[in-house]
Amino acid sequence: MRLKEIIYEVADELKCEIMALAVMSDHVDMLCEVDPQLGIHRFVKRVKGKSSRMLRQEYDGLRSRLPTL
């Protein structure tokens, strides 16, 4: 649920429209309308960056663990 909220927040910030969204445990399916000046790759990059940062801050179990030597 939190990931969906973050995706919709980014879409609102960038004035993109999410037409369909399905979040599964291992991937996300999304159909969206993005301004051609922005480009789909920039929208996806922003969603991935913001969602990764926010989810790692909110859920300690998602933080990367460095291997011990």
N, C-alpha and C. Protein backbone atom coordinates (compact mmCIF):
# COMPACT_ATOMS: atom_id res chain seq x y z
N MET A 1 0.82 -1.19 0.00
CA MET A 1 0.00 0.00 0.00
C MET A 1 0.87 1.26 0.00
N ARG A 2 1.95 1.24 0.78
CA ARG A 2 2.80 2.43 0.87
C ARG A 2 3.46 2.74 -0.47
N LEU A 3 3.87 1.70 -1.19
CA LEU A 3 4.48 1.91 -2.50
C LEU A 3 3.50 2.59 -3.46
N LYS A 4 2.26 2.17 -3.45
CA LYS A 4 1.25 2.80 -4.30
C LYS A 4 1.11 4.28 -3.97
N GLU A 5 1.09 4.60 -2.68
CA GLU A 5 0.98 6.00 -2.25
C GLU A 5 2.15 6.82 -2.80
N ILE A 6 3.34 6.28 -2.70
CA ILE A 6 4.53 6.99 -3.17
C ILE A 6 4.48 7.20 -4.68
N ILE A 7 4.06 6.18 -5.42
CA ILE A 7 3.98 6.29 -6.88
C ILE A 7 2.99 7.38 -7.26
N TYR A 8 1.83 7.41 -6.59
CA TYR A 8 0.84 8.45 -6.90
C TYR A 8 1.35 9.84 -6.51
N GLU A 9 2.13 9.95 -5.43
CA GLU A 9 2.71 11.24 -5.03
C GLU A 9 3.65 11.76 -6.11
N VAL A 10 4.52 10.90 -6.61
CA VAL A 10 5.46 11.30 -7.66
C VAL A 10 4.70 11.69 -8.93
N ALA A 11 3.68 10.93 -9.26
CA ALA A 11 2.88 11.24 -10.44
C ALA A 11 2.23 12.62 -10.31
N ASP A 12 1.73 12.93 -9.13
CA ASP A 12 1.13 14.25 -8.91
C ASP A 12 2.18 15.35 -9.03
N GLU A 13 3.37 15.13 -8.46
CA GLU A 13 4.44 16.12 -8.52
C GLU A 13 4.84 16.42 -9.97
N LEU A 14 4.88 15.39 -10.80
CA LEU A 14 5.34 15.54 -12.18
C LEU A 14 4.19 15.71 -13.17
N LYS A 15 2.98 15.79 -12.65
CA LYS A 15 1.77 15.97 -13.48
C LYS A 15 1.61 14.84 -14.50
N CYS A 16 1.78 13.61 -14.01
CA CYS A 16 1.58 12.41 -14.82
C CYS A 16 0.29 11.73 -14.35
N GLU A 17 -0.33 10.97 -15.23
CA GLU A 17 -1.56 10.28 -14.87
C GLU A 17 -1.32 8.78 -14.84
N ILE A 18 -1.64 8.17 -13.70
CA ILE A 18 -1.56 6.71 -13.56
C ILE A 18 -2.91 6.15 -14.00
N MET A 19 -2.91 5.37 -15.06
CA MET A 19 -4.16 4.80 -15.58
C MET A 19 -4.44 3.42 -14.98
N ALA A 20 -3.39 2.66 -14.73
CA ALA A 20 -3.53 1.35 -14.11
C ALA A 20 -2.25 1.06 -13.33
N LEU A 21 -2.42 0.43 -12.16
CA LEU A 21 -1.26 0.13 -11.31
C LEU A 21 -1.52 -1.17 -10.57
N ALA A 22 -0.58 -2.09 -10.67
CA ALA A 22 -0.65 -3.36 -9.94
C ALA A 22 0.71 -3.61 -9.29
N VAL A 23 0.72 -3.72 -7.96
CA VAL A 23 1.96 -3.94 -7.23
C VAL A 23 1.96 -5.37 -6.72
N MET A 24 2.95 -6.15 -7.16
CA MET A 24 3.13 -7.51 -6.70
C MET A 24 4.37 -7.56 -5.81
N SER A 25 4.63 -8.70 -5.22
CA SER A 25 5.77 -8.81 -4.30
C SER A 25 7.11 -8.67 -5.01
N ASP A 26 7.17 -9.00 -6.30
CA ASP A 26 8.46 -8.95 -6.99
C ASP A 26 8.52 -7.99 -8.17
N HIS A 27 7.39 -7.34 -8.52
CA HIS A 27 7.43 -6.37 -9.61
C HIS A 27 6.19 -5.48 -9.59
N VAL A 28 6.23 -4.44 -10.40
CA VAL A 28 5.13 -3.49 -10.50
C VAL A 28 4.74 -3.36 -11.97
N ASP A 29 3.44 -3.44 -12.24
CA ASP A 29 2.91 -3.18 -13.58
C ASP A 29 2.21 -1.83 -13.52
N MET A 30 2.55 -0.94 -14.47
CA MET A 30 1.98 0.39 -14.44
C MET A 30 1.74 0.88 -15.86
N LEU A 31 0.57 1.47 -16.06
CA LEU A 31 0.23 2.14 -17.31
C LEU A 31 0.03 3.60 -16.96
N CYS A 32 0.83 4.46 -17.57
CA CYS A 32 0.75 5.87 -17.21
C CYS A 32 0.89 6.76 -18.43
N GLU A 33 0.39 7.98 -18.28
CA GLU A 33 0.52 8.99 -19.32
C GLU A 33 1.51 10.04 -18.82
N VAL A 34 2.58 10.23 -19.58
CA VAL A 34 3.66 11.12 -19.17
C VAL A 34 3.87 12.17 -20.25
N ASP A 35 4.11 13.40 -19.83
CA ASP A 35 4.41 14.48 -20.75
C ASP A 35 5.65 14.11 -21.58
N PRO A 36 5.60 14.24 -22.90
CA PRO A 36 6.76 13.89 -23.73
C PRO A 36 8.01 14.71 -23.40
N GLN A 37 7.81 15.93 -22.88
CA GLN A 37 8.96 16.75 -22.49
C GLN A 37 9.69 16.14 -21.31
N LEU A 38 8.96 15.45 -20.44
CA LEU A 38 9.56 14.80 -19.27
C LEU A 38 10.20 13.48 -19.67
N GLY A 39 9.48 12.66 -20.39
CA GLY A 39 9.99 11.35 -20.81
C GLY A 39 9.70 10.29 -19.77
N ILE A 40 9.32 9.12 -20.24
CA ILE A 40 8.97 8.01 -19.35
C ILE A 40 10.17 7.58 -18.51
N HIS A 41 11.37 7.64 -19.07
CA HIS A 41 12.54 7.20 -18.33
C HIS A 41 12.80 8.09 -17.12
N ARG A 42 12.54 9.38 -17.22
CA ARG A 42 12.73 10.28 -16.08
C ARG A 42 11.68 10.02 -15.00
N PHE A 43 10.45 9.75 -15.43
CA PHE A 43 9.38 9.45 -14.47
C PHE A 43 9.72 8.17 -13.70
N VAL A 44 10.11 7.13 -14.41
CA VAL A 44 10.43 5.86 -13.77
C VAL A 44 11.63 6.02 -12.84
N LYS A 45 12.63 6.77 -13.27
CA LYS A 45 13.82 7.01 -12.44
C LYS A 45 13.43 7.72 -11.14
N ARG A 46 12.54 8.70 -11.24
CA ARG A 46 12.10 9.44 -10.04
C ARG A 46 11.31 8.53 -9.11
N VAL A 47 10.41 7.71 -9.67
CA VAL A 47 9.62 6.78 -8.85
C VAL A 47 10.54 5.80 -8.14
N LYS A 48 11.49 5.22 -8.86
CA LYS A 48 12.39 4.24 -8.25
C LYS A 48 13.25 4.86 -7.16
N GLY A 49 13.77 6.06 -7.43
CA GLY A 49 14.62 6.72 -6.45
C GLY A 49 13.88 7.11 -5.18
N LYS A 50 12.75 7.76 -5.35
CA LYS A 50 11.99 8.22 -4.18
C LYS A 50 11.42 7.04 -3.39
N SER A 51 10.88 6.05 -4.08
CA SER A 51 10.29 4.91 -3.36
C SER A 51 11.36 4.12 -2.62
N SER A 52 12.52 3.94 -3.24
CA SER A 52 13.60 3.21 -2.58
C SER A 52 14.04 3.94 -1.32
N ARG A 53 14.27 5.23 -1.44
CA ARG A 53 14.74 6.03 -0.30
C ARG A 53 13.71 6.04 0.83
N MET A 54 12.45 6.29 0.50
CA MET A 54 11.42 6.40 1.53
C MET A 54 11.12 5.06 2.19
N LEU A 55 11.02 4.00 1.41
CA LEU A 55 10.71 2.69 1.98
C LEU A 55 11.85 2.18 2.86
N ARG A 56 13.09 2.44 2.47
CA ARG A 56 14.23 2.03 3.31
C ARG A 56 14.28 2.81 4.61
N GLN A 57 13.86 4.07 4.59
CA GLN A 57 13.82 4.86 5.81
C GLN A 57 12.70 4.39 6.74
N GLU A 58 11.57 4.01 6.18
CA GLU A 58 10.40 3.65 6.97
C GLU A 58 10.42 2.20 7.46
N TYR A 59 11.07 1.31 6.72
CA TYR A 59 11.08 -0.11 7.06
C TYR A 59 12.52 -0.59 7.18
N ASP A 60 12.95 -0.81 8.41
CA ASP A 60 14.34 -1.20 8.65
C ASP A 60 14.73 -2.51 7.97
N GLY A 61 13.81 -3.41 7.78
CA GLY A 61 14.09 -4.70 7.18
C GLY A 61 14.51 -4.60 5.71
N LEU A 62 14.27 -3.46 5.07
CA LEU A 62 14.62 -3.29 3.66
C LEU A 62 16.02 -2.73 3.45
N ARG A 63 16.65 -2.29 4.51
CA ARG A 63 17.98 -1.70 4.37
C ARG A 63 18.99 -2.75 3.94
N SER A 64 19.89 -2.33 3.07
CA SER A 64 20.94 -3.24 2.59
C SER A 64 21.87 -3.58 3.74
N ARG A 65 22.32 -4.78 3.74
CA ARG A 65 23.28 -5.20 4.76
C ARG A 65 24.58 -5.51 4.07
N LEU A 66 25.63 -4.88 4.52
CA LEU A 66 26.94 -5.12 3.94
C LEU A 66 27.47 -6.47 4.41
N PRO A 67 28.07 -7.22 3.51
CA PRO A 67 28.63 -8.52 3.91
C PRO A 67 29.83 -8.31 4.85
N THR A 68 29.93 -9.16 5.83
CA THR A 68 31.06 -9.07 6.76
C THR A 68 32.21 -9.91 6.22
N LEU A 69 33.40 -9.38 6.36
CA LEU A 69 34.59 -10.10 5.88
C LEU A 69 35.35 -10.74 6.99
